[in-house]
PDB file of all heavy atoms in Angstrom:
ATOM      1  N   THR A   1      25.803  -0.657  35.949  1.00  0.00           N
ATOM      2  CA  THR A   1      24.526  -1.206  35.629  1.00  0.00           C
ATOM      3  C   THR A   1      23.520  -0.865  36.800  1.00  0.00           C
ATOM      4  O   THR A   1      23.841  -1.102  37.980  1.00  0.00           O
ATOM      5  CB  THR A   1      24.540  -2.765  35.470  1.00  0.00           C
ATOM      6  OG1 THR A   1      25.473  -3.049  34.494  1.00  0.00           O
ATOM      7  CG2 THR A   1      23.212  -3.316  35.199  1.00  0.00           C
ATOM      8  N   ILE A   2      22.379  -0.289  36.399  1.00  0.00           N
ATOM      9  CA  ILE A   2      21.384   0.035  37.389  1.00  0.00           C
ATOM     10  C   ILE A   2      20.364  -1.099  37.335  1.00  0.00           C
ATOM     11  O   ILE A   2      19.984  -1.635  36.401  1.00  0.00           O
ATOM     12  CB  ILE A   2      20.690   1.421  37.108  1.00  0.00           C
ATOM     13  CG1 ILE A   2      19.806   1.795  38.318  1.00  0.00           C
ATOM     14  CG2 ILE A   2      19.994   1.486  35.838  1.00  0.00           C
ATOM     15  CD1 ILE A   2      19.312   3.252  38.247  1.00  0.00           C
ATOM     16  N   SER A   3      19.832  -1.514  38.589  1.00  0.00           N
ATOM     17  CA  SER A   3      18.764  -2.516  38.689  1.00  0.00           C
ATOM     18  C   SER A   3      17.955  -2.189  39.868  1.00  0.00           C
ATOM     19  O   SER A   3      18.195  -1.243  40.593  1.00  0.00           O
ATOM     20  CB  SER A   3      19.465  -3.916  38.819  1.00  0.00           C
ATOM     21  OG  SER A   3      20.229  -3.930  39.993  1.00  0.00           O
ATOM     22  N   ARG A   4      16.884  -2.958  40.022  1.00  0.00           N
ATOM     23  CA  ARG A   4      15.981  -2.655  41.112  1.00  0.00           C
ATOM     24  C   ARG A   4      15.349  -3.930  41.690  1.00  0.00           C
ATOM     25  O   ARG A   4      15.331  -4.992  41.059  1.00  0.00           O
ATOM     26  CB  ARG A   4      14.794  -1.752  40.566  1.00  0.00           C
ATOM     27  CG  ARG A   4      13.893  -2.469  39.604  1.00  0.00           C
ATOM     28  CD  ARG A   4      12.886  -1.542  38.983  1.00  0.00           C
ATOM     29  NE  ARG A   4      12.053  -2.204  37.959  1.00  0.00           N
ATOM     30  CZ  ARG A   4      11.198  -1.641  37.187  1.00  0.00           C
ATOM     31  NH1 ARG A   4      11.088  -0.344  37.183  1.00  0.00           N
ATOM     32  NH2 ARG A   4      10.398  -2.338  36.343  1.00  0.00           N
ATOM     33  N   ASP A   5      14.813  -3.787  42.967  1.00  0.00           N
ATOM     34  CA  ASP A   5      14.033  -4.860  43.591  1.00  0.00           C
ATOM     35  C   ASP A   5      12.713  -4.200  43.989  1.00  0.00           C
ATOM     36  O   ASP A   5      12.700  -3.485  45.058  1.00  0.00           O
ATOM     37  CB  ASP A   5      14.773  -5.361  44.762  1.00  0.00           C
ATOM     38  CG  ASP A   5      14.038  -6.571  45.394  1.00  0.00           C
ATOM     39  OD1 ASP A   5      12.805  -6.618  45.275  1.00  0.00           O
ATOM     40  OD2 ASP A   5      14.730  -7.380  46.049  1.00  0.00           O
ATOM     41  N   ASN A   6      11.700  -4.356  43.209  1.00  0.00           N
ATOM     42  CA  ASN A   6      10.461  -3.650  43.451  1.00  0.00           C
ATOM     43  C   ASN A   6       9.874  -4.008  44.856  1.00  0.00           C
ATOM     44  O   ASN A   6       9.240  -3.172  45.541  1.00  0.00           O
ATOM     45  CB  ASN A   6       9.445  -3.991  42.420  1.00  0.00           C
ATOM     46  CG  ASN A   6       9.765  -3.325  41.035  1.00  0.00           C
ATOM     47  OD1 ASN A   6      10.448  -2.325  41.012  1.00  0.00           O
ATOM     48  ND2 ASN A   6       9.367  -3.950  39.954  1.00  0.00           N
ATOM     49  N   ALA A   7      10.008  -5.244  45.273  1.00  0.00           N
ATOM     50  CA  ALA A   7       9.426  -5.689  46.551  1.00  0.00           C
ATOM     51  C   ALA A   7      10.115  -4.958  47.710  1.00  0.00           C
ATOM     52  O   ALA A   7       9.486  -4.816  48.795  1.00  0.00           O
ATOM     53  CB  ALA A   7       9.611  -7.226  46.705  1.00  0.00           C
ATOM     54  N   LYS A   8      11.333  -4.529  47.550  1.00  0.00           N
ATOM     55  CA  LYS A   8      12.108  -3.863  48.579  1.00  0.00           C
ATOM     56  C   LYS A   8      12.140  -2.332  48.380  1.00  0.00           C
ATOM     57  O   LYS A   8      12.799  -1.654  49.194  1.00  0.00           O
ATOM     58  CB  LYS A   8      13.435  -4.442  48.733  1.00  0.00           C
ATOM     59  CG  LYS A   8      13.464  -5.903  49.148  1.00  0.00           C
ATOM     60  CD  LYS A   8      14.896  -6.388  49.237  1.00  0.00           C
ATOM     61  CE  LYS A   8      14.941  -7.881  49.670  1.00  0.00           C
ATOM     62  NZ  LYS A   8      16.348  -8.383  49.734  1.00  0.00           N
ATOM     63  N   ASN A   9      11.497  -1.804  47.325  1.00  0.00           N
ATOM     64  CA  ASN A   9      11.638  -0.472  46.974  1.00  0.00           C
ATOM     65  C   ASN A   9      13.104   0.055  46.938  1.00  0.00           C
ATOM     66  O   ASN A   9      13.448   1.103  47.400  1.00  0.00           O
ATOM     67  CB  ASN A   9      10.806   0.452  47.898  1.00  0.00           C
ATOM     68  CG  ASN A   9       9.301   0.320  47.742  1.00  0.00           C
ATOM     69  OD1 ASN A   9       8.824  -0.011  46.631  1.00  0.00           O
ATOM     70  ND2 ASN A   9       8.598   0.395  48.828  1.00  0.00           N
ATOM     71  N   THR A  10      13.900  -0.746  46.320  1.00  0.00           N
ATOM     72  CA  THR A  10      15.368  -0.594  46.364  1.00  0.00           C
ATOM     73  C   THR A  10      15.910  -0.554  44.924  1.00  0.00           C
ATOM     74  O   THR A  10      15.571  -1.300  44.084  1.00  0.00           O
ATOM     75  CB  THR A  10      16.043  -1.655  47.198  1.00  0.00           C
ATOM     76  OG1 THR A  10      15.612  -1.644  48.517  1.00  0.00           O
ATOM     77  CG2 THR A  10      17.540  -1.481  47.187  1.00  0.00           C
ATOM     78  N   VAL A  11      16.830   0.391  44.727  1.00  0.00           N
ATOM     79  CA  VAL A  11      17.558   0.442  43.476  1.00  0.00           C
ATOM     80  C   VAL A  11      19.063   0.251  43.774  1.00  0.00           C
ATOM     81  O   VAL A  11      19.537   0.630  44.782  1.00  0.00           O
ATOM     82  CB  VAL A  11      17.338   1.868  42.784  1.00  0.00           C
ATOM     83  CG1 VAL A  11      17.910   2.947  43.548  1.00  0.00           C
ATOM     84  CG2 VAL A  11      17.900   1.810  41.307  1.00  0.00           C
ATOM     85  N   TYR A  12      19.728  -0.383  42.825  1.00  0.00           N
ATOM     86  CA  TYR A  12      21.145  -0.677  43.017  1.00  0.00           C
ATOM     87  C   TYR A  12      21.939  -0.099  41.855  1.00  0.00           C
ATOM     88  O   TYR A  12      21.426   0.134  40.775  1.00  0.00           O
ATOM     89  CB  TYR A  12      21.360  -2.216  42.964  1.00  0.00           C
ATOM     90  CG  TYR A  12      20.513  -2.998  44.003  1.00  0.00           C
ATOM     91  CD1 TYR A  12      19.319  -3.494  43.626  1.00  0.00           C
ATOM     92  CD2 TYR A  12      20.998  -3.125  45.261  1.00  0.00           C
ATOM     93  CE1 TYR A  12      18.558  -4.164  44.595  1.00  0.00           C
ATOM     94  CE2 TYR A  12      20.279  -3.817  46.247  1.00  0.00           C
ATOM     95  CZ  TYR A  12      19.009  -4.355  45.866  1.00  0.00           C
ATOM     96  OH  TYR A  12      18.239  -5.033  46.809  1.00  0.00           O
ATOM     97  N   LEU A  13      23.215   0.179  42.130  1.00  0.00           N
ATOM     98  CA  LEU A  13      24.055   0.607  41.063  1.00  0.00           C
ATOM     99  C   LEU A  13      25.358  -0.277  41.171  1.00  0.00           C
ATOM    100  O   LEU A  13      26.139  -0.168  42.089  1.00  0.00           O
ATOM    101  CB  LEU A  13      24.478   1.994  41.158  1.00  0.00           C
ATOM    102  CG  LEU A  13      25.386   2.561  40.031  1.00  0.00           C
ATOM    103  CD1 LEU A  13      24.585   2.606  38.739  1.00  0.00           C
ATOM    104  CD2 LEU A  13      25.901   3.950  40.400  1.00  0.00           C
ATOM    105  N   GLN A  14      25.577  -1.213  40.254  1.00  0.00           N
ATOM    106  CA  GLN A  14      26.749  -1.981  40.183  1.00  0.00           C
ATOM    107  C   GLN A  14      27.780  -1.273  39.359  1.00  0.00           C
ATOM    108  O   GLN A  14      27.576  -0.893  38.195  1.00  0.00           O
ATOM    109  CB  GLN A  14      26.470  -3.365  39.528  1.00  0.00           C
ATOM    110  CG  GLN A  14      27.714  -4.326  39.412  1.00  0.00           C
ATOM    111  CD  GLN A  14      28.158  -4.740  40.693  1.00  0.00           C
ATOM    112  OE1 GLN A  14      27.426  -5.155  41.570  1.00  0.00           O
ATOM    113  NE2 GLN A  14      29.495  -4.707  40.858  1.00  0.00           N
ATOM    114  N   MET A  15      28.925  -0.971  39.957  1.00  0.00           N
ATOM    115  CA  MET A  15      29.957  -0.206  39.333  1.00  0.00           C
ATOM    116  C   MET A  15      31.197  -1.074  39.150  1.00  0.00           C
ATOM    117  O   MET A  15      31.797  -1.535  40.105  1.00  0.00           O
ATOM    118  CB  MET A  15      30.314   1.020  40.205  1.00  0.00           C
ATOM    119  CG  MET A  15      29.096   1.881  40.527  1.00  0.00           C
ATOM    120  SD  MET A  15      29.545   3.445  41.435  1.00  0.00           S
ATOM    121  CE  MET A  15      30.077   2.741  42.928  1.00  0.00           C
ATOM    122  N   ASN A  16      31.531  -1.355  37.968  1.00  0.00           N
ATOM    123  CA  ASN A  16      32.705  -2.150  37.618  1.00  0.00           C
ATOM    124  C   ASN A  16      33.787  -1.285  36.905  1.00  0.00           C
ATOM    125  O   ASN A  16      33.444  -0.215  36.433  1.00  0.00           O
ATOM    126  CB  ASN A  16      32.281  -3.324  36.691  1.00  0.00           C
ATOM    127  CG  ASN A  16      31.359  -4.250  37.355  1.00  0.00           C
ATOM    128  OD1 ASN A  16      31.331  -4.479  38.544  1.00  0.00           O
ATOM    129  ND2 ASN A  16      30.426  -4.886  36.521  1.00  0.00           N
ATOM    130  N   SER A  17      34.951  -1.793  36.863  1.00  0.00           N
ATOM    131  CA  SER A  17      36.076  -1.136  36.224  1.00  0.00           C
ATOM    132  C   SER A  17      36.199   0.319  36.611  1.00  0.00           C
ATOM    133  O   SER A  17      36.286   1.271  35.804  1.00  0.00           O
ATOM    134  CB  SER A  17      35.862  -1.229  34.704  1.00  0.00           C
ATOM    135  OG  SER A  17      35.900  -2.632  34.232  1.00  0.00           O
ATOM    136  N   LEU A  18      36.202   0.565  37.922  1.00  0.00           N
ATOM    137  CA  LEU A  18      36.137   1.921  38.453  1.00  0.00           C
ATOM    138  C   LEU A  18      37.438   2.657  38.160  1.00  0.00           C
ATOM    139  O   LEU A  18      38.517   2.042  38.071  1.00  0.00           O
ATOM    140  CB  LEU A  18      35.923   1.921  39.946  1.00  0.00           C
ATOM    141  CG  LEU A  18      34.492   1.702  40.378  1.00  0.00           C
ATOM    142  CD1 LEU A  18      34.370   1.226  41.827  1.00  0.00           C
ATOM    143  CD2 LEU A  18      33.639   2.938  40.151  1.00  0.00           C
ATOM    144  N   LYS A  19      37.285   3.928  37.836  1.00  0.00           N
ATOM    145  CA  LYS A  19      38.364   4.799  37.510  1.00  0.00           C
ATOM    146  C   LYS A  19      38.487   5.899  38.463  1.00  0.00           C
ATOM    147  O   LYS A  19      37.457   6.284  39.164  1.00  0.00           O
ATOM    148  CB  LYS A  19      38.119   5.351  36.080  1.00  0.00           C
ATOM    149  CG  LYS A  19      37.943   4.385  34.974  1.00  0.00           C
ATOM    150  CD  LYS A  19      37.580   5.070  33.616  1.00  0.00           C
ATOM    151  CE  LYS A  19      37.407   4.078  32.557  1.00  0.00           C
ATOM    152  NZ  LYS A  19      37.098   4.790  31.278  1.00  0.00           N
ATOM    153  N   PRO A  20      39.690   6.563  38.581  1.00  0.00           N
ATOM    154  CA  PRO A  20      39.818   7.688  39.467  1.00  0.00           C
ATOM    155  C   PRO A  20      38.796   8.740  39.249  1.00  0.00           C
ATOM    156  O   PRO A  20      38.380   9.435  40.250  1.00  0.00           O
ATOM    157  CB  PRO A  20      41.234   8.176  39.314  1.00  0.00           C
ATOM    158  CG  PRO A  20      41.975   6.899  38.884  1.00  0.00           C
ATOM    159  CD  PRO A  20      41.008   6.111  38.018  1.00  0.00           C
ATOM    160  N   GLU A  21      38.483   8.973  38.057  1.00  0.00           N
ATOM    161  CA  GLU A  21      37.474   9.973  37.733  1.00  0.00           C
ATOM    162  C   GLU A  21      36.000   9.685  38.191  1.00  0.00           C
ATOM    163  O   GLU A  21      35.145  10.527  38.099  1.00  0.00           O
ATOM    164  CB  GLU A  21      37.488  10.321  36.163  1.00  0.00           C
ATOM    165  CG  GLU A  21      37.339   9.159  35.351  1.00  0.00           C
ATOM    166  CD  GLU A  21      38.682   8.631  34.827  1.00  0.00           C
ATOM    167  OE1 GLU A  21      39.641   8.555  35.615  1.00  0.00           O
ATOM    168  OE2 GLU A  21      38.785   8.351  33.594  1.00  0.00           O
ATOM    169  N   ASP A  22      35.778   8.485  38.608  1.00  0.00           N
ATOM    170  CA  ASP A  22      34.555   8.083  39.207  1.00  0.00           C
ATOM    171  C   ASP A  22      34.445   8.469  40.622  1.00  0.00           C
ATOM    172  O   ASP A  22      33.311   8.412  41.236  1.00  0.00           O
ATOM    173  CB  ASP A  22      34.316   6.582  39.107  1.00  0.00           C
ATOM    174  CG  ASP A  22      34.151   6.101  37.660  1.00  0.00           C
ATOM    175  OD1 ASP A  22      33.534   6.788  36.844  1.00  0.00           O
ATOM    176  OD2 ASP A  22      34.738   5.050  37.357  1.00  0.00           O
ATOM    177  N   GLU A  23      35.514   8.922  41.257  1.00  0.00           N
ATOM    178  CA  GLU A  23      35.436   9.336  42.651  1.00  0.00           C
ATOM    179  C   GLU A  23      34.543  10.546  42.840  1.00  0.00           C
ATOM    180  O   GLU A  23      34.731  11.545  42.229  1.00  0.00           O
ATOM    181  CB  GLU A  23      36.864   9.615  43.129  1.00  0.00           C
ATOM    182  CG  GLU A  23      36.959  10.036  44.651  1.00  0.00           C
ATOM    183  CD  GLU A  23      38.374  10.002  45.163  1.00  0.00           C
ATOM    184  OE1 GLU A  23      39.094   9.063  44.862  1.00  0.00           O
ATOM    185  OE2 GLU A  23      38.713  10.988  45.903  1.00  0.00           O
ATOM    186  N   ALA A  24      33.562  10.348  43.724  1.00  0.00           N
ATOM    187  CA  ALA A  24      32.570  11.377  43.994  1.00  0.00           C
ATOM    188  C   ALA A  24      31.666  10.962  45.098  1.00  0.00           C
ATOM    189  O   ALA A  24      31.745   9.840  45.627  1.00  0.00           O
ATOM    190  CB  ALA A  24      31.703  11.640  42.687  1.00  0.00           C
ATOM    191  N   VAL A  25      30.828  11.868  45.492  1.00  0.00           N
ATOM    192  CA  VAL A  25      29.727  11.561  46.390  1.00  0.00           C
ATOM    193  C   VAL A  25      28.517  11.167  45.539  1.00  0.00           C
ATOM    194  O   VAL A  25      28.155  11.913  44.597  1.00  0.00           O
ATOM    195  CB  VAL A  25      29.356  12.697  47.366  1.00  0.00           C
ATOM    196  CG1 VAL A  25      28.074  12.312  48.155  1.00  0.00           C
ATOM    197  CG2 VAL A  25      30.488  13.078  48.151  1.00  0.00           C
ATOM    198  N   TYR A  26      27.961   9.956  45.749  1.00  0.00           N
ATOM    199  CA  TYR A  26      26.929   9.443  44.911  1.00  0.00           C
ATOM    200  C   TYR A  26      25.610   9.640  45.698  1.00  0.00           C
ATOM    201  O   TYR A  26      25.462   9.294  46.851  1.00  0.00           O
ATOM    202  CB  TYR A  26      27.127   7.982  44.612  1.00  0.00           C
ATOM    203  CG  TYR A  26      28.196   7.796  43.488  1.00  0.00           C
ATOM    204  CD1 TYR A  26      29.459   8.072  43.747  1.00  0.00           C
ATOM    205  CD2 TYR A  26      27.805   7.388  42.207  1.00  0.00           C
ATOM    206  CE1 TYR A  26      30.447   7.920  42.758  1.00  0.00           C
ATOM    207  CE2 TYR A  26      28.684   7.234  41.241  1.00  0.00           C
ATOM    208  CZ  TYR A  26      30.041   7.454  41.445  1.00  0.00           C
ATOM    209  OH  TYR A  26      30.989   7.282  40.469  1.00  0.00           O
ATOM    210  N   TYR A  27      24.566  10.246  45.002  1.00  0.00           N
ATOM    211  CA  TYR A  27      23.311  10.533  45.638  1.00  0.00           C
ATOM    212  C   TYR A  27      22.242   9.743  44.966  1.00  0.00           C
ATOM    213  O   TYR A  27      22.082   9.720  43.727  1.00  0.00           O
ATOM    214  CB  TYR A  27      22.976  12.002  45.502  1.00  0.00           C
ATOM    215  CG  TYR A  27      24.004  12.944  46.240  1.00  0.00           C
ATOM    216  CD1 TYR A  27      25.108  13.393  45.548  1.00  0.00           C
ATOM    217  CD2 TYR A  27      23.720  13.350  47.513  1.00  0.00           C
ATOM    218  CE1 TYR A  27      25.986  14.267  46.224  1.00  0.00           C
ATOM    219  CE2 TYR A  27      24.669  14.144  48.217  1.00  0.00           C
ATOM    220  CZ  TYR A  27      25.743  14.641  47.497  1.00  0.00           C
ATOM    221  OH  TYR A  27      26.567  15.473  48.143  1.00  0.00           O
ATOM    222  N   CYS A  28      21.367   9.122  45.799  1.00  0.00           N
ATOM    223  CA  CYS A  28      20.189   8.461  45.291  1.00  0.00           C
ATOM    224  C   CYS A  28      19.083   9.466  45.110  1.00  0.00           C
ATOM    225  O   CYS A  28      18.951  10.383  45.935  1.00  0.00           O
ATOM    226  CB  CYS A  28      19.799   7.367  46.290  1.00  0.00           C
ATOM    227  SG  CYS A  28      18.264   6.453  45.836  1.00  0.00           S
ATOM    228  N   ASN A  29      18.299   9.294  44.032  1.00  0.00           N
ATOM    229  CA  ASN A  29      17.159  10.158  43.772  1.00  0.00           C
ATOM    230  C   ASN A  29      15.936   9.323  43.435  1.00  0.00           C
ATOM    231  O   ASN A  29      16.094   8.283  42.760  1.00  0.00           O
ATOM    232  CB  ASN A  29      17.430  11.104  42.564  1.00  0.00           C
ATOM    233  CG  ASN A  29      16.246  11.925  42.157  1.00  0.00           C
ATOM    234  OD1 ASN A  29      15.551  11.473  41.230  1.00  0.00           O
ATOM    235  ND2 ASN A  29      15.985  13.015  42.743  1.00  0.00           N
ATOM    236  N   ALA A  30      14.809   9.744  43.927  1.00  0.00           N
ATOM    237  CA  ALA A  30      13.557   9.044  43.640  1.00  0.00           C
ATOM    238  C   ALA A  30      12.465  10.051  43.327  1.00  0.00           C
ATOM    239  O   ALA A  30      12.340  11.063  44.024  1.00  0.00           O
ATOM    240  CB  ALA A  30      13.126   8.193  44.815  1.00  0.00           C
ATOM    241  N   ASN A  31      11.820   9.840  42.227  1.00  0.00           N
ATOM    242  CA  ASN A  31      10.632  10.527  41.839  1.00  0.00           C
ATOM    243  C   ASN A  31       9.425   9.706  42.244  1.00  0.00           C
ATOM    244  O   ASN A  31       9.234   8.677  41.686  1.00  0.00           O
ATOM    245  CB  ASN A  31      10.542  10.897  40.382  1.00  0.00           C
ATOM    246  CG  ASN A  31       9.373  11.781  40.003  1.00  0.00           C
ATOM    247  OD1 ASN A  31       8.319  11.266  39.590  1.00  0.00           O
ATOM    248  ND2 ASN A  31       9.482  13.083  40.173  1.00  0.00           N
ATOM    249  N   LEU A  32       8.620  10.253  43.166  1.00  0.00           N
ATOM    250  CA  LEU A  32       7.623   9.461  43.909  1.00  0.00           C
ATOM    251  C   LEU A  32       6.258  10.016  43.654  1.00  0.00           C
ATOM    252  O   LEU A  32       6.033  11.206  43.639  1.00  0.00           O
ATOM    253  CB  LEU A  32       7.893   9.358  45.379  1.00  0.00           C
ATOM    254  CG  LEU A  32       9.201   8.829  45.799  1.00  0.00           C
ATOM    255  CD1 LEU A  32       9.307   8.862  47.364  1.00  0.00           C
ATOM    256  CD2 LEU A  32       9.406   7.515  45.295  1.00  0.00           C
ATOM    257  N   ARG A  33       5.276   9.148  43.399  1.00  0.00           N
ATOM    258  CA  ARG A  33       3.852   9.466  43.369  1.00  0.00           C
ATOM    259  C   ARG A  33       3.382   9.505  44.785  1.00  0.00           C
ATOM    260  O   ARG A  33       3.298   8.492  45.451  1.00  0.00           O
ATOM    261  CB  ARG A  33       3.068   8.517  42.529  1.00  0.00           C
ATOM    262  CG  ARG A  33       1.553   8.740  42.492  1.00  0.00           C
ATOM    263  CD  ARG A  33       1.167   9.976  41.774  1.00  0.00           C
ATOM    264  NE  ARG A  33       1.612   9.971  40.347  1.00  0.00           N
ATOM    265  CZ  ARG A  33       1.066   9.330  39.396  1.00  0.00           C
ATOM    266  NH1 ARG A  33      -0.117   8.656  39.658  1.00  0.00           N
ATOM    267  NH2 ARG A  33       1.559   9.391  38.213  1.00  0.00           N
ATOM    268  N   MET A  34       3.020  10.726  45.166  1.00  0.00           N
ATOM    269  CA  MET A  34       2.518  10.918  46.544  1.00  0.00           C
ATOM    270  C   MET A  34       1.057  10.870  46.613  1.00  0.00           C
ATOM    271  O   MET A  34       0.375  10.822  45.607  1.00  0.00           O
ATOM    272  CB  MET A  34       3.046  12.272  47.134  1.00  0.00           C
ATOM    273  CG  MET A  34       4.529  12.481  46.998  1.00  0.00           C
ATOM    274  SD  MET A  34       5.505  11.260  47.842  1.00  0.00           S
ATOM    275  CE  MET A  34       5.190  11.719  49.571  1.00  0.00           C
ATOM    276  N   PRO A  35       0.414  10.851  47.758  1.00  0.00           N
ATOM    277  CA  PRO A  35      -1.022  10.815  47.943  1.00  0.00           C
ATOM    278  C   PRO A  35      -1.600  11.986  47.181  1.00  0.00           C
ATOM    279  O   PRO A  35      -1.053  13.086  47.105  1.00  0.00           O
ATOM    280  CB  PRO A  35      -1.314  11.004  49.383  1.00  0.00           C
ATOM    281  CG  PRO A  35      -0.125  10.324  50.034  1.00  0.00           C
ATOM    282  CD  PRO A  35       1.041  10.658  49.138  1.00  0.00           C
ATOM    283  N   TYR A  36      -2.706  11.744  46.498  1.00  0.00           N
ATOM    284  CA  TYR A  36      -3.535  12.718  45.699  1.00  0.00           C
ATOM    285  C   TYR A  36      -2.779  13.024  44.452  1.00  0.00           C
ATOM    286  O   TYR A  36      -2.886  14.174  43.801  1.00  0.00           O
ATOM    287  CB  TYR A  36      -3.879  13.945  46.503  1.00  0.00           C
ATOM    288  CG  TYR A  36      -4.559  13.628  47.753  1.00  0.00           C
ATOM    289  CD1 TYR A  36      -3.984  13.656  48.973  1.00  0.00           C
ATOM    290  CD2 TYR A  36      -5.910  13.184  47.705  1.00  0.00           C
ATOM    291  CE1 TYR A  36      -4.608  13.341  50.207  1.00  0.00           C
ATOM    292  CE2 TYR A  36      -6.490  12.860  48.915  1.00  0.00           C
ATOM    293  CZ  TYR A  36      -5.902  12.935  50.110  1.00  0.00           C
ATOM    294  OH  TYR A  36      -6.564  12.588  51.279  1.00  0.00           O
ATOM    295  N   TYR A  37      -1.905  12.127  43.977  1.00  0.00           N
ATOM    296  CA  TYR A  37      -1.326  12.124  42.677  1.00  0.00           C
ATOM    297  C   TYR A  37      -0.329  13.337  42.453  1.00  0.00           C
ATOM    298  O   TYR A  37      -0.276  13.883  41.409  1.00  0.00           O
ATOM    299  CB  TYR A  37      -2.393  12.123  41.599  1.00  0.00           C
ATOM    300  CG  TYR A  37      -3.164  10.847  41.629  1.00  0.00           C
ATOM    301  CD1 TYR A  37      -4.424  10.837  42.308  1.00  0.00           C
ATOM    302  CD2 TYR A  37      -2.721   9.667  41.065  1.00  0.00           C
ATOM    303  CE1 TYR A  37      -5.112   9.672  42.440  1.00  0.00           C
ATOM    304  CE2 TYR A  37      -3.480   8.493  41.130  1.00  0.00           C
ATOM    305  CZ  TYR A  37      -4.647   8.515  41.792  1.00  0.00           C
ATOM    306  OH  TYR A  37      -5.413   7.354  41.894  1.00  0.00           O
ATOM    307  N   VAL A  38       0.363  13.700  43.519  1.00  0.00           N
ATOM    308  CA  VAL A  38       1.402  14.722  43.497  1.00  0.00           C
ATOM    309  C   VAL A  38       2.722  14.010  43.339  1.00  0.00           C
ATOM    310  O   VAL A  38       3.060  13.172  44.146  1.00  0.00           O
ATOM    311  CB  VAL A  38       1.348  15.630  44.659  1.00  0.00           C
ATOM    312  CG1 VAL A  38       2.512  16.620  44.653  1.00  0.00           C
ATOM    313  CG2 VAL A  38       0.035  16.395  44.756  1.00  0.00           C
ATOM    314  N   ASN A  39       3.457  14.348  42.349  1.00  0.00           N
ATOM    315  CA  ASN A  39       4.804  13.737  42.161  1.00  0.00           C
ATOM    316  C   ASN A  39       5.891  14.686  42.783  1.00  0.00           C
ATOM    317  O   ASN A  39       5.880  15.881  42.536  1.00  0.00           O
ATOM    318  CB  ASN A  39       5.128  13.574  40.626  1.00  0.00           C
ATOM    319  CG  ASN A  39       4.149  12.610  40.000  1.00  0.00           C
ATOM    320  OD1 ASN A  39       3.779  11.614  40.600  1.00  0.00           O
ATOM    321  ND2 ASN A  39       3.791  12.924  38.769  1.00  0.00           N
ATOM    322  N   GLN A  40       6.807  14.050  43.512  1.00  0.00           N
ATOM    323  CA  GLN A  40       7.832  14.839  44.156  1.00  0.00           C
ATOM    324  C   GLN A  40       9.196  14.077  44.069  1.00  0.00           C
ATOM    325  O   GLN A  40       9.270  12.844  44.047  1.00  0.00           O
ATOM    326  CB  GLN A  40       7.520  14.978  45.650  1.00  0.00           C
ATOM    327  CG  GLN A  40       6.265  15.879  45.914  1.00  0.00           C
ATOM    328  CD  GLN A  40       6.131  16.160  47.404  1.00  0.00           C
ATOM    329  OE1 GLN A  40       6.976  16.053  48.191  1.00  0.00           O
ATOM    330  NE2 GLN A  40       4.940  16.684  47.731  1.00  0.00           N
ATOM    331  N   ASN A  41      10.272  14.847  44.069  1.00  0.00           N
ATOM    332  CA  ASN A  41      11.634  14.344  44.043  1.00  0.00           C
ATOM    333  C   ASN A  41      12.238  14.316  45.428  1.00  0.00           C
ATOM    334  O   ASN A  41      12.067  15.302  46.202  1.00  0.00           O
ATOM    335  CB  ASN A  41      12.523  15.184  43.137  1.00  0.00           C
ATOM    336  CG  ASN A  41      12.398  14.763  41.636  1.00  0.00           C
ATOM    337  OD1 ASN A  41      12.594  13.569  41.257  1.00  0.00           O
ATOM    338  ND2 ASN A  41      11.996  15.730  40.866  1.00  0.00           N
ATOM    339  N   TYR A  42      12.918  13.241  45.735  1.00  0.00           N
ATOM    340  CA  TYR A  42      13.576  13.115  47.018  1.00  0.00           C
ATOM    341  C   TYR A  42      15.067  12.679  46.775  1.00  0.00           C
ATOM    342  O   TYR A  42      15.393  12.019  45.806  1.00  0.00           O
ATOM    343  CB  TYR A  42      12.899  12.159  47.949  1.00  0.00           C
ATOM    344  CG  TYR A  42      11.548  12.572  48.407  1.00  0.00           C
ATOM    345  CD1 TYR A  42      10.396  12.352  47.673  1.00  0.00           C
ATOM    346  CD2 TYR A  42      11.415  13.336  49.671  1.00  0.00           C
ATOM    347  CE1 TYR A  42       9.136  12.846  48.049  1.00  0.00           C
ATOM    348  CE2 TYR A  42      10.194  13.794  49.971  1.00  0.00           C
ATOM    349  CZ  TYR A  42       9.052  13.538  49.273  1.00  0.00           C
ATOM    350  OH  TYR A  42       7.795  13.966  49.711  1.00  0.00           O
ATOM    351  N   TRP A  43      15.915  13.065  47.770  1.00  0.00           N
ATOM    352  CA  TRP A  43      17.312  12.802  47.667  1.00  0.00           C
ATOM    353  C   TRP A  43      17.836  12.057  48.889  1.00  0.00           C
ATOM    354  O   TRP A  43      17.425  12.385  49.986  1.00  0.00           O
ATOM    355  CB  TRP A  43      18.116  14.076  47.460  1.00  0.00           C
ATOM    356  CG  TRP A  43      17.796  14.787  46.170  1.00  0.00           C
ATOM    357  CD1 TRP A  43      16.939  15.723  45.866  1.00  0.00           C
ATOM    358  CD2 TRP A  43      18.534  14.541  44.917  1.00  0.00           C
ATOM    359  NE1 TRP A  43      17.035  16.120  44.573  1.00  0.00           N
ATOM    360  CE2 TRP A  43      17.974  15.403  43.973  1.00  0.00           C
ATOM    361  CE3 TRP A  43      19.620  13.701  44.547  1.00  0.00           C
ATOM    362  CZ2 TRP A  43      18.463  15.411  42.654  1.00  0.00           C
ATOM    363  CZ3 TRP A  43      20.088  13.741  43.300  1.00  0.00           C
ATOM    364  CH2 TRP A  43      19.509  14.571  42.322  1.00  0.00           C
ATOM    365  N   GLY A  44      18.764  11.144  48.649  1.00  0.00           N
ATOM    366  CA  GLY A  44      19.483  10.582  49.783  1.00  0.00           C
ATOM    367  C   GLY A  44      20.563  11.508  50.259  1.00  0.00           C
ATOM    368  O   GLY A  44      20.841  12.566  49.642  1.00  0.00           O
ATOM    369  N   GLN A  45      21.201  11.202  51.368  1.00  0.00           N
ATOM    370  CA  GLN A  45      22.278  12.054  51.875  1.00  0.00           C
ATOM    371  C   GLN A  45      23.611  11.927  51.247  1.00  0.00           C
ATOM    372  O   GLN A  45      24.463  12.752  51.402  1.00  0.00           O
ATOM    373  CB  GLN A  45      22.371  11.816  53.413  1.00  0.00           C
ATOM    374  CG  GLN A  45      22.963  10.426  53.754  1.00  0.00           C
ATOM    375  CD  GLN A  45      23.109  10.182  55.250  1.00  0.00           C
ATOM    376  OE1 GLN A  45      22.718  11.092  56.040  1.00  0.00           O
ATOM    377  NE2 GLN A  45      23.601   9.044  55.633  1.00  0.00           N
TER     378      GLN A  45
END
């Protein structure tokens, strides 16, 4: 389940019933409206 807290600019991913095939590196992605209305994608580490 994905959820968010707008006040904290934070997104969450609640992962239940995890399976071995879920094993991976998970990356956060954000599409952001930048100054002068330019949209850009950013990635977490």
